[in-house]
Amino acid sequence: MHPAKCSDCGKDCEVPFKPTEGRPVYCRDCFQKHRPPRKF
């Protein structure tokens, strides 16, 4: 796990990948908001 700061709310969080410069990182709560709806 890698420490990161959420690009949306600014909260400190941990992500399972190394954050890449220029790419947004979201905490679990914000990730759910930004994820496209699942299609079945």
PDB file of N, CA and C in Angstrom:
ATOM      1  N   MET A   1       0.854  -1.187   0.000  1.00  0.00           N
ATOM      2  CA  MET A   1       0.000   0.000   0.000  1.00  0.00           C
ATOM      3  C   MET A   1       0.892   1.240   0.000  1.00  0.00           C
ATOM      4  N   HIS A   2       0.414   2.274  -0.699  1.00  0.00           N
ATOM      5  CA  HIS A   2       1.185   3.507  -0.818  1.00  0.00           C
ATOM      6  C   HIS A   2       0.358   4.675  -0.291  1.00  0.00           C
ATOM      7  N   PRO A   3       0.985   5.556   0.495  1.00  0.00           N
ATOM      8  CA  PRO A   3       0.256   6.725   0.990  1.00  0.00           C
ATOM      9  C   PRO A   3      -0.029   7.693  -0.149  1.00  0.00           C
ATOM     10  N   ALA A   4      -1.204   8.314  -0.097  1.00  0.00           N
ATOM     11  CA  ALA A   4      -1.596   9.279  -1.127  1.00  0.00           C
ATOM     12  C   ALA A   4      -2.573  10.274  -0.523  1.00  0.00           C
ATOM     13  N   LYS A   5      -2.815  11.352  -1.250  1.00  0.00           N
ATOM     14  CA  LYS A   5      -3.803  12.342  -0.827  1.00  0.00           C
ATOM     15  C   LYS A   5      -4.905  12.349  -1.880  1.00  0.00           C
ATOM     16  N   CYS A   6      -6.146  12.243  -1.461  1.00  0.00           N
ATOM     17  CA  CYS A   6      -7.282  12.203  -2.381  1.00  0.00           C
ATOM     18  C   CYS A   6      -7.331  13.487  -3.200  1.00  0.00           C
ATOM     19  N   SER A   7      -7.471  13.337  -4.515  1.00  0.00           N
ATOM     20  CA  SER A   7      -7.526  14.494  -5.414  1.00  0.00           C
ATOM     21  C   SER A   7      -8.847  15.245  -5.282  1.00  0.00           C
ATOM     22  N   ASP A   8      -9.850  14.602  -4.700  1.00  0.00           N
ATOM     23  CA  ASP A   8     -11.178  15.212  -4.596  1.00  0.00           C
ATOM     24  C   ASP A   8     -11.361  15.941  -3.266  1.00  0.00           C
ATOM     25  N   CYS A   9     -11.244  15.200  -2.162  1.00  0.00           N
ATOM     26  CA  CYS A   9     -11.525  15.797  -0.852  1.00  0.00           C
ATOM     27  C   CYS A   9     -10.265  16.186  -0.078  1.00  0.00           C
ATOM     28  N   GLY A  10      -9.081  15.749  -0.547  1.00  0.00           N
ATOM     29  CA  GLY A  10      -7.833  16.111   0.117  1.00  0.00           C
ATOM     30  C   GLY A  10      -7.478  15.265   1.324  1.00  0.00           C
ATOM     31  N   LYS A  11      -8.268  14.212   1.572  1.00  0.00           N
ATOM     32  CA  LYS A  11      -8.032  13.327   2.710  1.00  0.00           C
ATOM     33  C   LYS A  11      -6.818  12.432   2.444  1.00  0.00           C
ATOM     34  N   ASP A  12      -6.032  12.144   3.482  1.00  0.00           N
ATOM     35  CA  ASP A  12      -4.926  11.198   3.345  1.00  0.00           C
ATOM     36  C   ASP A  12      -5.513   9.801   3.268  1.00  0.00           C
ATOM     37  N   CYS A  13      -4.982   8.982   2.352  1.00  0.00           N
ATOM     38  CA  CYS A  13      -5.479   7.623   2.188  1.00  0.00           C
ATOM     39  C   CYS A  13      -4.337   6.726   1.722  1.00  0.00           C
ATOM     40  N   GLU A  14      -4.616   5.448   1.579  1.00  0.00           N
ATOM     41  CA  GLU A  14      -3.631   4.502   1.057  1.00  0.00           C
ATOM     42  C   GLU A  14      -4.221   3.831  -0.163  1.00  0.00           C
ATOM     43  N   VAL A  15      -3.388   3.660  -1.195  1.00  0.00           N
ATOM     44  CA  VAL A  15      -3.836   3.017  -2.427  1.00  0.00           C
ATOM     45  C   VAL A  15      -2.931   1.826  -2.724  1.00  0.00           C
ATOM     46  N   PRO A  16      -3.462   0.793  -3.414  1.00  0.00           N
ATOM     47  CA  PRO A  16      -2.669  -0.418  -3.671  1.00  0.00           C
ATOM     48  C   PRO A  16      -1.686  -0.285  -4.827  1.00  0.00           C
ATOM     49  N   PHE A  17      -1.530   0.923  -5.370  1.00  0.00           N
ATOM     50  CA  PHE A  17      -0.599   1.151  -6.474  1.00  0.00           C
ATOM     51  C   PHE A  17       0.213   2.400  -6.190  1.00  0.00           C
ATOM     52  N   LYS A  18       1.347   2.541  -6.864  1.00  0.00           N
ATOM     53  CA  LYS A  18       2.180   3.724  -6.677  1.00  0.00           C
ATOM     54  C   LYS A  18       1.534   4.884  -7.443  1.00  0.00           C
ATOM     55  N   PRO A  19       1.159   5.954  -6.749  1.00  0.00           N
ATOM     56  CA  PRO A  19       0.516   7.083  -7.435  1.00  0.00           C
ATOM     57  C   PRO A  19       1.425   7.669  -8.519  1.00  0.00           C
ATOM     58  N   THR A  20       0.856   7.937  -9.683  1.00  0.00           N
ATOM     59  CA  THR A  20       1.594   8.485 -10.818  1.00  0.00           C
ATOM     60  C   THR A  20       1.371   9.988 -10.881  1.00  0.00           C
ATOM     61  N   GLU A  21       2.438  10.727 -11.136  1.00  0.00           N
ATOM     62  CA  GLU A  21       2.353  12.189 -11.248  1.00  0.00           C
ATOM     63  C   GLU A  21       1.375  12.563 -12.356  1.00  0.00           C
ATOM     64  N   GLY A  22       0.453  13.469 -12.053  1.00  0.00           N
ATOM     65  CA  GLY A  22      -0.489  13.937 -13.070  1.00  0.00           C
ATOM     66  C   GLY A  22      -1.781  13.136 -13.152  1.00  0.00           C
ATOM     67  N   ARG A  23      -1.860  11.992 -12.450  1.00  0.00           N
ATOM     68  CA  ARG A  23      -3.087  11.199 -12.462  1.00  0.00           C
ATOM     69  C   ARG A  23      -3.809  11.394 -11.133  1.00  0.00           C
ATOM     70  N   PRO A  24      -5.122  11.582 -11.173  1.00  0.00           N
ATOM     71  CA  PRO A  24      -5.844  11.773  -9.909  1.00  0.00           C
ATOM     72  C   PRO A  24      -5.909  10.487  -9.091  1.00  0.00           C
ATOM     73  N   VAL A  25      -5.876  10.631  -7.778  1.00  0.00           N
ATOM     74  CA  VAL A  25      -6.002   9.505  -6.851  1.00  0.00           C
ATOM     75  C   VAL A  25      -7.171   9.836  -5.940  1.00  0.00           C
ATOM     76  N   TYR A  26      -8.052   8.864  -5.731  1.00  0.00           N
ATOM     77  CA  TYR A  26      -9.238   9.091  -4.903  1.00  0.00           C
ATOM     78  C   TYR A  26      -9.262   8.146  -3.716  1.00  0.00           C
ATOM     79  N   CYS A  27      -9.788   8.634  -2.586  1.00  0.00           N
ATOM     80  CA  CYS A  27     -10.012   7.766  -1.438  1.00  0.00           C
ATOM     81  C   CYS A  27     -11.192   6.847  -1.767  1.00  0.00           C
ATOM     82  N   ARG A  28     -11.457   5.899  -0.915  1.00  0.00           N
ATOM     83  CA  ARG A  28     -12.514   4.918  -1.198  1.00  0.00           C
ATOM     84  C   ARG A  28     -13.867   5.591  -1.427  1.00  0.00           C
ATOM     85  N   ASP A  29     -14.211   6.595  -0.611  1.00  0.00           N
ATOM     86  CA  ASP A  29     -15.510   7.264  -0.750  1.00  0.00           C
ATOM     87  C   ASP A  29     -15.617   8.009  -2.074  1.00  0.00           C
ATOM     88  N   CYS A  30     -14.585   8.776  -2.424  1.00  0.00           N
ATOM     89  CA  CYS A  30     -14.618   9.558  -3.662  1.00  0.00           C
ATOM     90  C   CYS A  30     -14.521   8.655  -4.892  1.00  0.00           C
ATOM     91  N   PHE A  31     -13.811   7.539  -4.777  1.00  0.00           N
ATOM     92  CA  PHE A  31     -13.688   6.608  -5.902  1.00  0.00           C
ATOM     93  C   PHE A  31     -15.057   6.084  -6.308  1.00  0.00           C
ATOM     94  N   GLN A  32     -15.900   5.805  -5.330  1.00  0.00           N
ATOM     95  CA  GLN A  32     -17.248   5.317  -5.631  1.00  0.00           C
ATOM     96  C   GLN A  32     -18.039   6.352  -6.424  1.00  0.00           C
ATOM     97  N   LYS A  33     -17.825   7.645  -6.129  1.00  0.00           N
ATOM     98  CA  LYS A  33     -18.544   8.712  -6.839  1.00  0.00           C
ATOM     99  C   LYS A  33     -18.052   8.860  -8.273  1.00  0.00           C
ATOM    100  N   HIS A  34     -16.764   8.614  -8.496  1.00  0.00           N
ATOM    101  CA  HIS A  34     -16.172   8.836  -9.826  1.00  0.00           C
ATOM    102  C   HIS A  34     -16.235   7.610 -10.736  1.00  0.00           C
ATOM    103  N   ARG A  35     -16.554   6.455 -10.164  1.00  0.00           N
ATOM    104  CA  ARG A  35     -16.608   5.233 -10.954  1.00  0.00           C
ATOM    105  C   ARG A  35     -17.840   5.252 -11.857  1.00  0.00           C
ATOM    106  N   PRO A  36     -17.690   4.884 -13.113  1.00  0.00           N
ATOM    107  CA  PRO A  36     -18.880   4.844 -13.981  1.00  0.00           C
ATOM    108  C   PRO A  36     -19.851   3.762 -13.505  1.00  0.00           C
ATOM    109  N   PRO A  37     -21.143   3.956 -13.707  1.00  0.00           N
ATOM    110  CA  PRO A  37     -22.100   2.932 -13.288  1.00  0.00           C
ATOM    111  C   PRO A  37     -21.850   1.624 -14.027  1.00  0.00           C
ATOM    112  N   ARG A  38     -22.034   0.520 -13.323  1.00  0.00           N
ATOM    113  CA  ARG A  38     -21.793  -0.787 -13.932  1.00  0.00           C
ATOM    114  C   ARG A  38     -22.949  -1.144 -14.860  1.00  0.00           C
ATOM    115  N   LYS A  39     -22.601  -1.712 -15.999  1.00  0.00           N
ATOM    116  CA  LYS A  39     -23.613  -2.158 -16.946  1.00  0.00           C
ATOM    117  C   LYS A  39     -23.612  -3.686 -16.960  1.00  0.00           C
ATOM    118  N   PHE A  40     -24.784  -4.264 -16.920  1.00  0.00           N
ATOM    119  CA  PHE A  40     -24.879  -5.731 -16.876  1.00  0.00           C
ATOM    120  C   PHE A  40     -25.276  -6.279 -18.224  1.00  0.00           C
TER     121      PHE A  40
END
